[in-house]
């Protein structure tokens, strides 16, 4: 009987040891999650809430954008959001006042401003830019009118000269680059006609002025 009880006591000790070890892991996990959650609320959620409140004070309601007199070549940009698949999206005002934008389901749409805005969700922001160079916007809009039908595929292609395979910000970059020589990105390797033209890069272009910011 005694001989049989020794393995049993050893097995019980091992069970208790592992149980104690698991309990420590659980406590440390709870502590980690609590600390990570607190830091996330402090550093991320708190910052987002402050920025959102600041934007609401600065931005105008979306109906103000509808009442704004936009000119050919003006750029309407929506920063990263769920409706833009977290990539951002932008369109350019054409000679006819419509918003031309290369889209995955297009490949190009020519929307009235009113219809264009319905493509986005509540809470989205819109920033309107205008070129600082006189006549550059008009020339870019003319190029868009003449070339938008050449876009056949929505593709994130590195060839900055290709019109057939295009995406929203690249198309607008081309409209200004091919007419007035304006480089809305100003990156050295664009001189080799290779690279990606991200929407947020155009947002930071020194060649553009901000006309207004709006929220939906």
Protein backbone atom coordinates (compact mmCIF):
# COMPACT_ATOMS: atom_id res chain seq x y z
CA UNK A 1 0.00 0.00 0.00
CA UNK A 2 2.78 2.35 0.88
CA UNK A 3 4.61 1.57 -2.32
CA UNK A 4 1.53 2.40 -4.35
CA UNK A 5 0.94 5.68 -2.50
CA UNK A 6 4.31 7.23 -3.36
CA UNK A 7 3.60 7.62 -7.11
CA UNK A 8 0.16 8.95 -6.20
CA UNK A 9 1.64 11.58 -3.89
CA UNK A 10 4.18 12.50 -6.57
CA UNK A 11 1.44 12.84 -9.18
CA UNK A 12 -0.59 15.03 -6.81
CA UNK A 13 2.44 17.26 -6.17
CA UNK A 14 2.97 17.69 -9.93
CA UNK A 15 -0.70 18.59 -10.40
CA UNK A 16 -0.47 21.21 -7.66
CA UNK A 17 2.75 22.62 -9.11
CA UNK A 18 1.25 23.02 -12.57
CA UNK A 19 -1.94 24.43 -11.11
CA UNK A 20 0.08 26.98 -9.13
CA UNK A 21 2.03 27.82 -12.29
CA UNK A 22 -1.19 28.27 -14.29
CA UNK A 23 -2.62 30.52 -11.60
CA UNK A 24 0.48 32.71 -11.80
CA UNK A 25 0.12 32.87 -15.58
CA UNK A 26 -3.53 33.87 -15.25
CA UNK A 27 -2.71 36.59 -12.73
CA UNK A 28 0.11 37.95 -14.88
CA UNK A 29 -2.15 37.85 -17.96
CA UNK A 30 -4.86 39.77 -16.15
CA UNK A 31 -2.32 42.31 -14.96
CA UNK A 32 -0.87 42.66 -18.47
CA UNK A 33 -4.30 43.10 -20.06
CA UNK A 34 -5.33 45.66 -17.45
CA UNK A 35 -2.11 47.64 -17.93
CA UNK A 36 -2.26 47.43 -21.74
CA UNK A 37 -5.90 48.50 -21.69
CA UNK A 38 -5.12 51.49 -19.48
CA UNK A 39 -2.24 52.58 -21.71
CA UNK A 40 -4.38 52.15 -24.84
CA UNK A 41 -7.14 54.31 -23.36
CA UNK A 42 -4.62 56.92 -22.26
CA UNK A 43 -2.37 57.06 -25.32
CA UNK A 44 -4.65 56.00 -28.18
CA UNK A 45 -8.33 56.40 -27.38
CA UNK A 46 -7.80 59.60 -25.42
CA UNK A 47 -5.80 61.13 -28.27
CA UNK A 48 -8.41 60.06 -30.83
CA UNK A 49 -11.20 61.61 -28.77
CA UNK A 50 -9.28 64.87 -28.39
CA UNK A 51 -8.50 65.01 -32.11
CA UNK A 52 -12.12 64.23 -32.99
CA UNK A 53 -13.36 66.98 -30.70
CA UNK A 54 -10.82 69.41 -32.18
CA UNK A 55 -11.87 68.52 -35.74
CA UNK A 56 -15.53 69.03 -34.90
CA UNK A 57 -14.67 72.55 -33.73
CA UNK A 58 -12.65 73.29 -36.88
CA UNK A 59 -14.55 71.43 -39.60
CA UNK A 60 -17.68 72.69 -41.28
CA UNK A 61 -20.75 70.49 -41.81
CA UNK A 62 -20.96 68.70 -45.14
CA UNK A 63 -23.72 70.96 -46.49
CA UNK A 64 -21.20 73.82 -46.45
CA UNK A 65 -19.09 71.86 -48.93
CA UNK A 66 -22.13 71.47 -51.18
CA UNK A 67 -22.63 75.24 -51.13
CA UNK A 68 -18.97 75.98 -51.85
CA UNK A 69 -18.00 77.23 -55.30
CA UNK A 70 -15.46 74.70 -56.48
CA UNK A 71 -13.30 75.30 -59.53
CA UNK A 72 -11.94 72.87 -62.15
CA UNK A 73 -8.85 71.14 -60.80
CA UNK A 74 -9.86 71.37 -57.13
CA UNK A 75 -9.16 68.17 -55.22
CA UNK A 76 -11.61 66.62 -52.75
CA UNK A 77 -9.79 64.31 -50.34
CA UNK A 78 -11.20 61.92 -47.73
CA UNK A 79 -8.57 60.69 -45.23
CA UNK A 80 -8.30 57.09 -44.09
CA UNK A 81 -11.65 55.70 -42.96
CA UNK A 82 -13.78 52.57 -43.19
CA UNK A 83 -15.49 53.81 -46.35
CA UNK A 84 -12.11 54.30 -48.06
CA UNK A 85 -10.83 50.88 -46.90
CA UNK A 86 -8.44 52.80 -44.62
CA UNK A 87 -6.40 54.01 -47.59
CA UNK A 88 -7.95 57.43 -48.20
CA UNK A 89 -9.61 58.51 -51.43
CA UNK A 90 -9.63 61.59 -53.64
CA UNK A 91 -11.32 63.00 -56.71
CA UNK A 92 -10.75 66.03 -58.94
CA UNK A 93 -13.28 68.57 -60.16
CA UNK A 94 -13.63 68.43 -63.93
CA UNK A 95 -14.51 71.13 -66.46
CA UNK A 96 -18.18 70.16 -66.11
CA UNK A 97 -18.15 70.50 -62.30
CA UNK A 98 -18.31 66.75 -61.71
CA UNK A 99 -15.96 64.82 -59.45
CA UNK A 100 -13.77 62.46 -61.47
CA UNK A 101 -12.22 59.66 -59.44
CA UNK A 102 -10.59 56.32 -60.21
CA UNK A 103 -12.35 53.66 -58.16
CA UNK A 104 -12.06 49.84 -57.82
CA UNK A 105 -15.63 49.46 -59.13
CA UNK A 106 -15.24 52.05 -61.90
CA UNK A 107 -12.56 52.10 -63.06
CA UNK A 108 -13.51 55.83 -63.31
CA UNK A 109 -16.63 57.61 -62.09
CA UNK A 110 -17.79 61.09 -62.99
CA UNK A 111 -20.17 61.99 -60.15
CA UNK A 112 -22.01 65.12 -59.23
CA UNK A 113 -20.61 66.44 -55.95
CA UNK A 114 -23.86 65.57 -54.20
CA UNK A 115 -23.72 61.95 -55.35
CA UNK A 116 -19.99 61.68 -54.67
CA UNK A 117 -20.52 62.59 -51.02
CA UNK A 118 -23.11 59.83 -50.59
CA UNK A 119 -20.36 57.26 -51.19
CA UNK A 120 -18.91 57.99 -47.74
CA UNK A 121 -20.06 57.18 -44.22
CA UNK A 122 -21.15 59.49 -41.45
CA UNK A 123 -18.17 60.79 -39.53
CA UNK A 124 -15.92 60.96 -42.61
CA UNK A 125 -13.92 64.11 -43.25
CA UNK A 126 -13.34 65.96 -46.50
CA UNK A 127 -10.46 68.31 -47.26
CA UNK A 128 -10.60 70.51 -50.36
CA UNK A 129 -7.35 71.62 -52.03
CA UNK A 130 -6.60 74.07 -54.82
CA UNK A 131 -3.39 74.54 -56.78
CA UNK A 132 -1.33 77.62 -55.93
CA UNK A 133 -0.28 77.99 -59.58
CA UNK A 134 -2.65 80.00 -61.75
CA UNK A 135 -4.34 78.02 -64.54
CA UNK A 136 -2.81 74.74 -63.32
CA UNK A 137 -6.16 73.50 -62.03
CA UNK A 138 -7.93 74.34 -65.29
CA UNK A 139 -5.26 72.54 -67.31
CA UNK A 140 -5.42 69.49 -65.02
CA UNK A 141 -9.20 69.36 -65.34
CA UNK A 142 -8.91 69.54 -69.14
CA UNK A 143 -6.45 66.64 -69.11
CA UNK A 144 -8.83 64.60 -66.96
CA UNK A 145 -11.69 65.21 -69.42
CA UNK A 146 -9.50 64.11 -72.34
CA UNK A 147 -7.95 61.03 -70.72
CA UNK A 148 -10.29 59.50 -68.13
CA UNK A 149 -11.66 56.99 -70.65
CA UNK A 150 -8.13 55.67 -71.16
CA UNK A 151 -8.19 54.20 -67.66
CA UNK A 152 -9.11 50.53 -68.12
CA UNK A 153 -8.10 48.94 -64.83
CA UNK A 154 -7.87 49.93 -61.18
CA UNK A 155 -4.33 48.86 -60.30
CA UNK A 156 -1.75 49.92 -57.71
CA UNK A 157 0.99 50.02 -60.32
CA UNK A 158 4.42 51.64 -59.87
CA UNK A 159 4.68 52.96 -63.44
CA UNK A 160 3.75 56.63 -63.05
CA UNK A 161 3.43 57.11 -66.81
CA UNK A 162 0.76 54.46 -67.27
CA UNK A 163 -2.76 55.85 -67.64
CA UNK A 164 -4.43 52.54 -68.48
CA UNK A 165 -3.64 51.03 -65.05
CA UNK A 166 -4.41 53.64 -62.45
CA UNK A 167 -5.77 54.57 -59.02
CA UNK A 168 -7.26 57.71 -57.48
CA UNK A 169 -4.21 59.67 -56.32
CA UNK A 170 -1.98 58.61 -59.21
CA UNK A 171 -4.56 59.86 -61.72
CA UNK A 172 -4.66 63.28 -60.05
CA UNK A 173 -0.88 63.35 -59.82
CA UNK A 174 -0.71 62.70 -63.57
CA UNK A 175 -3.27 65.42 -64.35
CA UNK A 176 -0.99 68.06 -62.82
CA UNK A 177 2.36 66.51 -63.75
CA UNK A 178 1.49 66.02 -67.45
CA UNK A 179 0.06 69.52 -67.94
CA UNK A 180 1.84 72.04 -65.69
CA UNK A 181 4.81 69.95 -64.60
CA UNK A 182 3.71 70.16 -60.96
CA UNK A 183 4.97 67.32 -58.80
CA UNK A 184 2.34 66.96 -56.08
CA UNK A 185 4.50 64.40 -54.31
CA UNK A 186 8.03 65.83 -54.64
CA UNK A 187 9.85 62.56 -54.07
CA UNK A 188 13.19 62.03 -55.83
CA UNK A 189 12.41 58.62 -57.29
CA UNK A 190 9.33 60.00 -59.07
CA UNK A 191 11.86 61.44 -61.54
CA UNK A 192 12.42 57.85 -62.60
CA UNK A 193 8.65 57.55 -63.15
CA UNK A 194 8.38 54.75 -60.61
CA UNK A 195 6.69 54.66 -57.23
CA UNK A 196 3.37 54.82 -55.42
CA UNK A 197 1.47 58.09 -55.07
CA UNK A 198 -0.30 57.75 -51.74
CA UNK A 199 -3.30 60.05 -51.11
CA UNK A 200 -1.88 61.34 -47.82
CA UNK A 201 1.31 62.38 -49.63
CA UNK A 202 -0.66 64.65 -51.94
CA UNK A 203 -2.39 66.02 -48.85
CA UNK A 204 1.00 67.28 -47.67
CA UNK A 205 1.99 68.84 -51.00
CA UNK A 206 3.42 72.34 -50.80
CA UNK A 207 1.88 73.04 -54.22
CA UNK A 208 -1.66 73.03 -52.81
CA UNK A 209 -3.70 75.32 -50.57
CA UNK A 210 -6.43 74.06 -48.24
CA UNK A 211 -9.77 75.69 -49.03
CA UNK A 212 -11.66 74.07 -46.19
CA UNK A 213 -12.29 70.97 -44.08
CA UNK A 214 -15.71 69.40 -43.63
CA UNK A 215 -17.34 66.49 -41.82
CA UNK A 216 -20.31 64.30 -42.68
